[in-house]
Amino acid sequence: MGYAVLHLEKAKGADGAMSTHIERTVHPKNADRTRTHLNRELVQFPEGVRNRTQAIAHRIETAGIKRKIGTNQVRAIRVLLTGSNEDMKRMEEDGRLDGWCSDNLKWLRETYGERNLVSAVLHMDEKTPHIHATIVPIVTGERRKARQDEQNGKKKYRKKNTQDVRLCADDVMARHKLKHYQDTYAQAMSKYGLQRGVDGSLAKHIPTSQYYKELVERQDSLQENIENLLGLEEEAQKKLKKVKGEINVQKMKGAAVNATTAIADGVSSL
């Protein structure tokens, strides 16, 4: 049984570099160009929106946010969704990948809100099929800091409308929510034979770029081990063939000796 892989990361600024990667404006070295045509956008953009960057801006502009958005404020969250390499490949071969994509979209919309999911691209031209989803962290409800101040007994001067729409990645990426995401995502993916990964403090959050690097390194190492084993098997087959040949030669020599002895015995009896 393989693992369901869910990785979240705050994007910086307009996140143009990631858009370039996702939309294949520039092809990465690890992508197979002969399979790039199999990649597809799973979310339909609103009218007039042509790409991921515009989709992020459109969601923010039409959300009804009253507060000014800071220059360094996080506008999008990257979400990587996939599974163990063998399981994903098997899913593709069995024709279950479309169902897997649909269930991923369902989970994303239920978890983050339908309008907050502005893009989801299936990549088929890398080693393991995966989805790059983009979430705009639009939230409502009381701010976490205000809630903590109230719990700590700090004075509040003005009660703000808790239904105001806000752009707040910290709310979406709160530690207890990250654990909840992993739990519910694993439940949604269990029908595909994928289980939850490490639960608890041993799990370490790493950037997507580092995650990719480590994932590729593990796969390359596994491939190298497989190739080494195949090489050993081939060498063993050669040795076995050689031994069998030597045995056959010995048998033939033995048969020749027996035949010679029989002839000699026959001549002696004359």
Protein backbone atom coordinates (compact mmCIF):
# COMPACT_ATOMS: atom_id res chain seq x y z
CA MET A 1 0.00 0.00 0.00
CA GLY A 2 1.50 3.32 -1.09
CA TYR A 3 1.19 6.80 0.36
CA ALA A 4 -1.03 9.79 -0.40
CA VAL A 5 1.20 12.83 -0.87
CA LEU A 6 -0.11 16.30 0.02
CA HIS A 7 2.28 19.25 0.19
CA LEU A 8 1.33 22.89 0.84
CA GLU A 9 3.55 25.95 0.50
CA LYS A 10 2.96 29.70 0.61
CA ALA A 11 3.74 31.41 -2.68
CA LYS A 12 5.65 34.67 -2.93
CA GLY A 13 4.23 37.63 -4.83
CA ALA A 14 2.56 36.80 -8.13
CA ASP A 15 4.38 33.42 -8.12
CA GLY A 16 5.37 33.83 -11.77
CA ALA A 17 8.20 31.28 -11.62
CA MET A 18 5.84 28.54 -10.49
CA SER A 19 3.31 29.53 -13.17
CA THR A 20 6.08 29.11 -15.75
CA HIS A 21 6.77 25.61 -14.42
CA ILE A 22 3.13 24.58 -14.17
CA GLU A 23 2.07 25.94 -17.55
CA ARG A 24 5.25 24.68 -19.25
CA THR A 25 6.13 28.08 -20.66
CA VAL A 26 9.66 26.79 -20.12
CA HIS A 27 10.22 23.04 -20.07
CA PRO A 28 12.07 21.66 -17.02
CA LYS A 29 14.91 19.19 -17.65
CA ASN A 30 13.06 16.34 -15.91
CA ALA A 31 9.97 16.65 -18.15
CA ASP A 32 9.38 14.34 -21.12
CA ARG A 33 8.33 16.60 -24.02
CA THR A 34 6.70 13.66 -25.82
CA ARG A 35 4.16 13.43 -22.96
CA THR A 36 3.59 17.15 -22.31
CA HIS A 37 0.46 17.09 -24.49
CA LEU A 38 -1.10 14.81 -21.83
CA ASN A 39 -0.93 17.61 -19.21
CA ARG A 40 -4.24 19.37 -18.64
CA GLU A 41 -5.90 22.15 -16.64
CA LEU A 42 -8.66 20.65 -14.50
CA VAL A 43 -10.30 23.93 -13.46
CA GLN A 44 -12.10 26.16 -15.94
CA PHE A 45 -10.99 29.79 -15.74
CA PRO A 46 -13.57 32.61 -15.50
CA GLU A 47 -14.36 34.51 -18.68
CA GLY A 48 -11.47 36.75 -19.70
CA VAL A 49 -8.93 34.89 -17.55
CA ARG A 50 -6.25 33.10 -19.58
CA ASN A 51 -3.74 31.73 -17.10
CA ARG A 52 -2.91 30.94 -13.47
CA THR A 53 -1.47 34.36 -12.63
CA GLN A 54 -4.59 36.11 -13.90
CA ALA A 55 -6.80 33.60 -12.07
CA ILE A 56 -5.14 34.48 -8.74
CA ALA A 57 -5.57 38.22 -9.34
CA HIS A 58 -9.19 37.77 -10.49
CA ARG A 59 -10.17 35.89 -7.33
CA ILE A 60 -8.68 38.57 -5.09
CA GLU A 61 -10.25 41.43 -7.05
CA THR A 62 -13.74 39.89 -7.01
CA ALA A 63 -13.76 38.57 -3.43
CA GLY A 64 -15.03 41.77 -1.85
CA ILE A 65 -11.97 42.37 0.35
CA LYS A 66 -12.18 45.74 2.15
CA ARG A 67 -8.76 45.81 3.80
CA LYS A 68 -5.76 46.96 1.80
CA ILE A 69 -3.58 44.07 0.67
CA GLY A 70 0.07 44.44 1.64
CA THR A 71 2.88 44.25 -0.89
CA ASN A 72 4.40 41.18 0.78
CA GLN A 73 1.09 39.53 1.62
CA VAL A 74 0.71 35.92 0.47
CA ARG A 75 -1.74 35.81 -2.43
CA ALA A 76 -1.69 32.09 -3.19
CA ILE A 77 -0.89 28.71 -1.70
CA ARG A 78 0.69 26.00 -3.81
CA VAL A 79 -0.72 22.52 -3.28
CA LEU A 80 1.00 19.42 -4.65
CA LEU A 81 -1.12 16.25 -4.75
CA THR A 82 0.16 12.84 -5.80
CA GLY A 83 0.95 9.36 -4.51
CA SER A 84 3.70 6.75 -4.50
CA ASN A 85 5.23 6.32 -7.96
CA GLU A 86 4.21 2.68 -8.47
CA ASP A 87 0.64 3.32 -7.32
CA MET A 88 0.22 6.34 -9.59
CA LYS A 89 1.60 4.46 -12.60
CA ARG A 90 -0.68 1.51 -11.85
CA MET A 91 -3.62 3.90 -11.56
CA GLU A 92 -2.79 5.30 -14.99
CA GLU A 93 -2.52 1.82 -16.53
CA ASP A 94 -5.83 0.74 -14.96
CA GLY A 95 -7.67 3.79 -16.33
CA ARG A 96 -8.45 5.19 -12.84
CA LEU A 97 -6.55 8.47 -13.17
CA ASP A 98 -9.60 10.50 -14.22
CA GLY A 99 -11.46 9.31 -11.12
CA TRP A 100 -8.45 10.19 -8.98
CA CYS A 101 -8.40 13.70 -10.47
CA SER A 102 -12.12 14.17 -9.82
CA ASP A 103 -11.78 13.08 -6.19
CA ASN A 104 -8.84 15.45 -5.73
CA LEU A 105 -10.88 18.37 -7.07
CA LYS A 106 -13.78 17.41 -4.81
CA TRP A 107 -11.50 17.36 -1.75
CA LEU A 108 -9.87 20.68 -2.68
CA ARG A 109 -13.23 22.44 -3.14
CA GLU A 110 -14.72 21.03 0.06
CA THR A 111 -11.59 21.91 2.05
CA TYR A 112 -10.70 25.38 0.76
CA GLY A 113 -13.86 26.59 -0.96
CA GLU A 114 -14.86 26.20 -4.59
CA ARG A 115 -14.02 29.78 -5.61
CA ASN A 116 -10.67 29.68 -3.81
CA LEU A 117 -9.49 26.84 -6.04
CA VAL A 118 -8.37 28.88 -9.05
CA SER A 119 -6.17 26.36 -10.85
CA ALA A 120 -5.35 22.64 -10.84
CA VAL A 121 -3.03 21.22 -13.48
CA LEU A 122 -2.36 17.51 -14.00
CA HIS A 123 1.23 16.84 -15.02
CA MET A 124 1.80 13.62 -16.96
CA ASP A 125 5.23 14.40 -18.40
CA GLU A 126 7.28 13.79 -15.24
CA LYS A 127 8.15 10.49 -13.52
CA THR A 128 5.04 10.44 -11.34
CA PRO A 129 1.61 11.82 -12.34
CA HIS A 130 0.67 14.68 -10.00
CA ILE A 131 -1.54 17.75 -9.64
CA HIS A 132 -0.39 21.32 -9.02
CA ALA A 133 -3.34 23.11 -7.41
CA THR A 134 -3.48 26.80 -6.52
CA ILE A 135 -5.53 28.09 -3.59
CA VAL A 136 -6.21 31.78 -2.94
CA PRO A 137 -6.53 32.01 0.89
CA ILE A 138 -9.76 34.00 1.12
CA VAL A 139 -11.33 33.45 4.55
CA THR A 140 -14.09 34.79 6.80
CA GLY A 141 -14.49 34.62 10.55
CA GLU A 142 -12.63 36.14 13.49
CA ARG A 143 -8.91 36.70 13.05
CA ARG A 144 -6.69 34.28 14.96
CA LYS A 145 -4.82 37.08 16.75
CA ALA A 146 -8.06 38.69 17.94
CA ARG A 147 -9.30 35.33 19.17
CA GLN A 148 -6.05 34.72 21.06
CA ASP A 149 -6.14 38.20 22.61
CA GLU A 150 -9.67 37.58 23.87
CA GLN A 151 -8.66 34.24 25.35
CA ASN A 152 -5.66 35.87 27.07
CA GLY A 153 -7.87 38.59 28.58
CA LYS A 154 -6.40 41.46 26.56
CA LYS A 155 -8.59 44.54 26.07
CA LYS A 156 -10.36 44.92 22.75
CA TYR A 157 -11.32 48.41 21.63
CA ARG A 158 -13.51 47.67 18.65
CA LYS A 159 -15.44 44.59 17.62
CA LYS A 160 -14.92 43.93 13.92
CA ASN A 161 -17.42 42.16 11.71
CA THR A 162 -16.40 38.51 11.85
CA GLN A 163 -17.98 37.91 8.45
CA ASP A 164 -15.64 40.32 6.68
CA VAL A 165 -13.78 38.69 3.81
CA ARG A 166 -10.02 38.57 4.34
CA LEU A 167 -6.92 37.36 2.51
CA CYS A 168 -5.08 35.36 5.16
CA ALA A 169 -2.69 32.52 4.38
CA ASP A 170 -1.81 32.10 8.07
CA ASP A 171 -5.37 31.03 8.84
CA VAL A 172 -5.32 28.43 6.07
CA MET A 173 -1.83 27.20 7.03
CA ALA A 174 -2.41 26.98 10.80
CA ARG A 175 -0.68 23.92 12.30
CA HIS A 176 -3.86 22.18 13.48
CA LYS A 177 -5.41 22.68 10.03
CA LEU A 178 -2.39 21.20 8.26
CA LYS A 179 -2.83 18.02 10.29
CA HIS A 180 -6.54 18.00 9.46
CA TYR A 181 -5.77 18.34 5.75
CA GLN A 182 -3.44 15.34 5.85
CA ASP A 183 -6.04 13.25 7.69
CA THR A 184 -8.96 14.06 5.41
CA TYR A 185 -6.89 13.82 2.23
CA ALA A 186 -5.70 10.34 3.17
CA GLN A 187 -9.32 9.32 3.81
CA ALA A 188 -10.35 10.61 0.38
CA MET A 189 -7.48 8.73 -1.30
CA SER A 190 -7.87 5.43 0.58
CA LYS A 191 -10.11 4.04 -2.21
CA TYR A 192 -7.04 4.17 -4.46
CA GLY A 193 -4.90 2.16 -2.06
CA LEU A 194 -3.08 5.23 -0.72
CA GLN A 195 -2.56 5.75 3.00
CA ARG A 196 -1.52 8.66 5.23
CA GLY A 197 2.17 9.40 5.64
CA VAL A 198 4.05 10.19 8.86
CA ASP A 199 1.82 11.65 11.58
CA GLY A 200 3.32 13.80 14.31
CA SER A 201 6.35 15.93 15.05
CA LEU A 202 8.74 13.77 13.03
CA ALA A 203 7.18 15.14 9.84
CA LYS A 204 9.10 18.18 8.57
CA HIS A 205 7.72 20.84 6.23
CA ILE A 206 10.09 21.54 3.33
CA PRO A 207 9.84 23.80 0.26
CA THR A 208 8.33 22.29 -2.89
CA SER A 209 11.63 22.63 -4.77
CA GLN A 210 13.47 20.65 -2.08
CA TYR A 211 10.65 18.10 -1.94
CA TYR A 212 10.91 17.59 -5.70
CA LYS A 213 14.69 17.21 -5.49
CA GLU A 214 14.49 14.61 -2.73
CA LEU A 215 11.68 12.77 -4.50
CA VAL A 216 13.67 12.59 -7.75
CA GLU A 217 16.80 11.50 -5.86
CA ARG A 218 14.88 8.67 -4.16
CA GLN A 219 13.41 7.55 -7.46
CA ASP A 220 16.81 7.72 -9.19
CA SER A 221 18.35 5.71 -6.35
CA LEU A 222 15.57 3.12 -6.63
CA GLN A 223 16.04 2.95 -10.40
CA GLU A 224 19.79 2.51 -9.92
CA ASN A 225 19.19 -0.34 -7.46
CA ILE A 226 16.83 -2.01 -9.91
CA GLU A 227 19.38 -1.68 -12.71
CA ASN A 228 22.09 -3.13 -10.44
CA LEU A 229 19.86 -6.07 -9.56
CA LEU A 230 19.07 -6.64 -13.23
CA GLY A 231 22.81 -6.56 -13.96
CA LEU A 232 23.47 -9.12 -11.24
CA GLU A 233 20.67 -11.30 -12.58
CA GLU A 234 22.10 -11.11 -16.11
CA GLU A 235 25.56 -12.03 -14.82
CA ALA A 236 24.10 -14.94 -12.85
CA GLN A 237 22.26 -16.16 -15.96
CA LYS A 238 25.52 -16.08 -17.93
CA LYS A 239 27.32 -18.07 -15.21
CA LEU A 240 24.47 -20.56 -15.03
CA LYS A 241 24.55 -20.99 -18.80
CA LYS A 242 28.31 -21.53 -18.67
CA VAL A 243 27.98 -24.14 -15.89
CA LYS A 244 25.24 -25.95 -17.80
CA GLY A 245 27.49 -25.96 -20.87
CA GLU A 246 30.36 -27.41 -18.87
CA ILE A 247 28.07 -30.08 -17.42
CA ASN A 248 26.89 -31.02 -20.91
CA VAL A 249 30.51 -31.27 -22.09
CA GLN A 250 31.35 -33.50 -19.13
CA LYS A 251 28.31 -35.65 -19.86
CA MET A 252 29.35 -35.96 -23.50
CA LYS A 253 32.90 -36.88 -22.47
CA GLY A 254 31.54 -39.45 -20.04
CA ALA A 255 29.29 -40.90 -22.70
CA ALA A 256 32.25 -41.11 -25.09
CA VAL A 257 34.37 -42.89 -22.48
CA ASN A 258 31.57 -45.34 -21.77
CA ALA A 259 31.14 -46.01 -25.46
CA THR A 260 34.88 -46.57 -25.92
CA THR A 261 34.95 -48.94 -22.95
CA ALA A 262 31.99 -50.86 -24.31
CA ILE A 263 33.68 -51.20 -27.71
CA ALA A 264 36.92 -52.33 -26.08
CA ASP A 265 35.06 -54.90 -24.01
CA GLY A 266 33.32 -56.13 -27.14
CA VAL A 267 36.60 -56.52 -29.01
CA SER A 268 38.21 -58.36 -26.09
CA SER A 269 35.42 -60.90 -26.00
CA LEU A 270 35.94 -61.87 -29.66
